[in-house]
Amino acid sequence: MIVVTIIALIAAIAIPSMIRSRMSANEINAAAACKEFATAEEIYHRTDYAQVGFLTYAQHLKGNNSLLETSAGLSDLGLIDVTFANAEGAPGTVPPKAGYVFTVLTAQGASAEGGVTNYVANGYMTVGYAFCASPASYDTSGRNTFVVSSDGTTYQKDKGDNVLESVYNPDSTWTPAE
């Protein structure tokens, strides 16, 4: 009985620390995913992968004219890995990558440098890009949401329950990620 009590006490101390360590590692990976996305978008923008006669940014991580492939299912472009691409979507709807899910943002709000801007014109994202990484399970896989845009600065904020941003709009409550 004493041994079981001691094991329970040790577990009560160790498990919360382990969860915090995992969340910290997930958040580091999410910030790195923002940088990986920005690099992939810059590479994508240098070549007319969509074959439309002008340079565009990818509007998705996977599928037609995405950072992963030129045609859905081919995985032929490979600017990001499959695990990263498969984590595109809302929490609970896709398998997360290192505890986070991702979405490509196609517009920015009033608080972003330059003000309200739609990155998409005539169906193609040509003006810029933005990206959001959100915890797949708030307070279990992470707490901070991360965003990055074509300006290159990654911002973070504890937004609470798993809400992906719909536009890039880091106001004064967001802080630059380290």
Protein backbone atom coordinates (compact mmCIF):
# COMPACT_ATOMS: atom_id res chain seq x y z
CA MET A 1 0.00 0.00 0.00
CA ILE A 2 2.85 2.37 0.83
CA VAL A 3 4.56 1.59 -2.49
CA VAL A 4 1.36 2.33 -4.42
CA THR A 5 0.99 5.63 -2.55
CA ILE A 6 4.58 6.61 -3.32
CA ILE A 7 4.12 5.75 -7.03
CA ALA A 8 0.89 7.76 -7.16
CA LEU A 9 2.65 10.74 -5.54
CA ILE A 10 5.55 10.58 -8.01
CA ALA A 11 3.11 10.31 -10.94
CA ALA A 12 1.14 13.31 -9.67
CA ILE A 13 4.34 15.36 -9.74
CA ALA A 14 5.85 14.00 -12.96
CA ILE A 15 2.84 13.88 -15.33
CA PRO A 16 2.01 17.63 -15.32
CA SER A 17 5.68 18.41 -15.93
CA MET A 18 5.77 15.95 -18.83
CA ILE A 19 2.63 17.51 -20.36
CA ARG A 20 4.11 21.02 -20.07
CA SER A 21 7.33 19.80 -21.72
CA ARG A 22 5.37 18.22 -24.58
CA MET A 23 3.32 21.42 -25.08
CA SER A 24 6.53 23.47 -25.14
CA ALA A 25 8.06 21.16 -27.77
CA ASN A 26 4.84 21.33 -29.83
CA GLU A 27 4.87 25.13 -29.71
CA ILE A 28 8.50 25.22 -30.86
CA ASN A 29 7.53 22.93 -33.74
CA ALA A 30 4.51 25.14 -34.62
CA ALA A 31 6.71 28.25 -34.79
CA ALA A 32 9.14 26.30 -36.98
CA ALA A 33 6.22 25.22 -39.20
CA CYS A 34 5.39 28.91 -39.74
CA LYS A 35 8.93 29.54 -40.95
CA GLU A 36 8.86 26.39 -43.10
CA PHE A 37 5.59 27.53 -44.66
CA ALA A 38 6.97 31.02 -45.41
CA THR A 39 10.07 29.54 -47.05
CA ALA A 40 7.97 27.12 -49.12
CA GLU A 41 5.67 29.95 -50.27
CA GLU A 42 8.65 32.06 -51.36
CA ILE A 43 10.04 29.12 -53.36
CA TYR A 44 6.60 28.40 -54.85
CA HIS A 45 6.25 32.06 -55.87
CA ARG A 46 9.48 31.94 -57.94
CA THR A 47 8.03 29.48 -60.48
CA ASP A 48 4.69 29.39 -62.30
CA TYR A 49 3.68 25.97 -60.89
CA ALA A 50 0.00 26.71 -61.55
CA GLN A 51 0.89 27.31 -65.21
CA VAL A 52 -1.25 30.45 -65.49
CA GLY A 53 1.34 32.79 -67.01
CA PHE A 54 2.13 34.74 -63.82
CA LEU A 55 3.53 34.04 -60.37
CA THR A 56 1.17 33.03 -57.59
CA TYR A 57 1.30 31.80 -54.01
CA ALA A 58 -0.21 28.44 -53.03
CA GLN A 59 -3.62 28.67 -51.37
CA HIS A 60 -3.39 25.21 -49.78
CA LEU A 61 -0.87 22.84 -48.26
CA LYS A 62 -2.18 19.88 -50.29
CA GLY A 63 -4.28 19.37 -53.40
CA ASN A 64 -4.09 21.00 -56.81
CA ASN A 65 -1.41 23.70 -57.09
CA SER A 66 -0.40 23.38 -53.44
CA LEU A 67 2.92 23.36 -51.63
CA LEU A 68 2.89 19.56 -51.73
CA GLU A 69 1.71 18.83 -55.26
CA THR A 70 0.73 20.24 -58.64
CA SER A 71 -2.17 17.75 -58.96
CA ALA A 72 -3.96 16.23 -55.96
CA GLY A 73 -2.58 12.85 -55.00
CA LEU A 74 0.78 13.13 -56.80
CA SER A 75 2.93 14.58 -53.97
CA ASP A 76 5.20 15.70 -56.80
CA LEU A 77 6.17 19.20 -55.69
CA GLY A 78 7.26 18.40 -52.13
CA LEU A 79 7.99 21.89 -50.79
CA ILE A 80 6.55 20.59 -47.49
CA ASP A 81 6.24 17.04 -46.18
CA VAL A 82 3.06 14.94 -46.30
CA THR A 83 2.52 15.04 -42.52
CA PHE A 84 2.58 18.84 -42.62
CA ALA A 85 0.18 18.93 -45.58
CA ASN A 86 -2.24 16.48 -43.97
CA ALA A 87 -2.52 18.71 -40.88
CA GLU A 88 -4.33 21.41 -42.90
CA GLY A 89 -7.80 21.95 -41.45
CA ALA A 90 -9.75 22.63 -38.27
CA PRO A 91 -8.92 20.98 -34.95
CA GLY A 92 -10.60 17.58 -34.69
CA THR A 93 -11.02 17.21 -38.47
CA VAL A 94 -7.45 16.36 -39.52
CA PRO A 95 -4.50 14.56 -37.95
CA PRO A 96 -2.29 17.16 -36.25
CA LYS A 97 1.44 17.53 -36.80
CA ALA A 98 3.22 17.79 -33.45
CA GLY A 99 -0.05 18.75 -31.76
CA TYR A 100 -0.98 21.53 -34.20
CA VAL A 101 -3.26 22.01 -37.20
CA PHE A 102 -2.73 24.57 -39.94
CA THR A 103 -4.54 26.80 -42.39
CA VAL A 104 -3.43 29.09 -45.19
CA LEU A 105 -4.93 32.56 -44.75
CA THR A 106 -5.96 34.42 -47.90
CA ALA A 107 -6.56 37.90 -46.44
CA GLN A 108 -5.41 40.26 -43.74
CA GLY A 109 -7.28 42.54 -41.39
CA ALA A 110 -7.06 46.16 -40.29
CA SER A 111 -4.36 45.55 -37.65
CA ALA A 112 -1.91 44.04 -40.16
CA GLU A 113 0.64 46.29 -41.84
CA GLY A 114 -1.03 47.74 -44.93
CA GLY A 115 -4.55 47.29 -43.53
CA VAL A 116 -7.37 45.20 -44.93
CA THR A 117 -6.17 43.30 -47.99
CA ASN A 118 -7.44 40.28 -49.88
CA TYR A 119 -4.46 38.26 -51.13
CA VAL A 120 -6.62 36.56 -53.79
CA ALA A 121 -7.51 38.26 -57.07
CA ASN A 122 -9.36 36.49 -59.89
CA GLY A 123 -9.01 33.18 -58.06
CA TYR A 124 -5.23 33.36 -57.64
CA MET A 125 -3.29 34.38 -54.55
CA THR A 126 -0.85 36.97 -55.93
CA VAL A 127 -0.77 39.80 -53.38
CA GLY A 128 0.79 37.94 -50.44
CA TYR A 129 0.21 35.04 -48.07
CA ALA A 130 -0.38 34.26 -44.42
CA PHE A 131 -0.58 31.14 -42.30
CA CYS A 132 -2.01 30.04 -38.96
CA ALA A 133 -0.93 27.22 -36.65
CA SER A 134 -3.40 26.38 -33.88
CA PRO A 135 -3.27 23.75 -31.11
CA ALA A 136 -5.22 20.63 -32.05
CA SER A 137 -6.25 20.27 -28.41
CA TYR A 138 -5.98 23.47 -26.38
CA ASP A 139 -4.09 23.10 -23.10
CA THR A 140 -3.11 19.54 -24.00
CA SER A 141 -1.11 19.86 -27.22
CA GLY A 142 -0.40 23.59 -26.86
CA ARG A 143 -1.76 26.97 -25.81
CA ASN A 144 -0.40 29.48 -28.30
CA THR A 145 -1.72 30.13 -31.79
CA PHE A 146 0.94 31.24 -34.29
CA VAL A 147 0.57 33.36 -37.44
CA VAL A 148 3.02 34.47 -40.11
CA SER A 149 2.67 36.47 -43.30
CA SER A 150 4.82 37.49 -46.23
CA ASP A 151 6.46 40.11 -44.00
CA GLY A 152 8.24 37.16 -42.33
CA THR A 153 7.48 37.87 -38.66
CA THR A 154 5.87 35.03 -36.71
CA TYR A 155 3.49 36.15 -33.95
CA GLN A 156 2.00 34.15 -31.09
CA LYS A 157 -0.98 34.52 -28.78
CA ASP A 158 -2.86 32.36 -26.29
CA LYS A 159 -6.32 32.50 -27.88
CA GLY A 160 -7.98 29.88 -25.71
CA ASP A 161 -10.11 27.19 -27.32
CA ASN A 162 -8.81 25.87 -30.66
CA VAL A 163 -9.79 28.72 -32.94
CA LEU A 164 -7.97 29.04 -36.22
CA GLU A 165 -7.60 32.56 -37.50
CA SER A 166 -9.63 33.37 -40.62
CA VAL A 167 -7.50 36.38 -41.59
CA TYR A 168 -4.00 37.52 -40.71
CA ASN A 169 -4.58 40.29 -38.18
CA PRO A 170 -1.99 40.44 -35.38
CA ASP A 171 -2.90 43.41 -33.18
CA SER A 172 -1.00 44.66 -30.14
CA THR A 173 -2.07 41.60 -28.09
CA TRP A 174 0.08 39.32 -30.29
CA THR A 175 3.80 39.04 -29.52
CA PRO A 176 6.65 38.11 -31.85
CA ALA A 177 7.56 34.42 -31.43
CA GLU A 178 11.10 33.69 -30.36
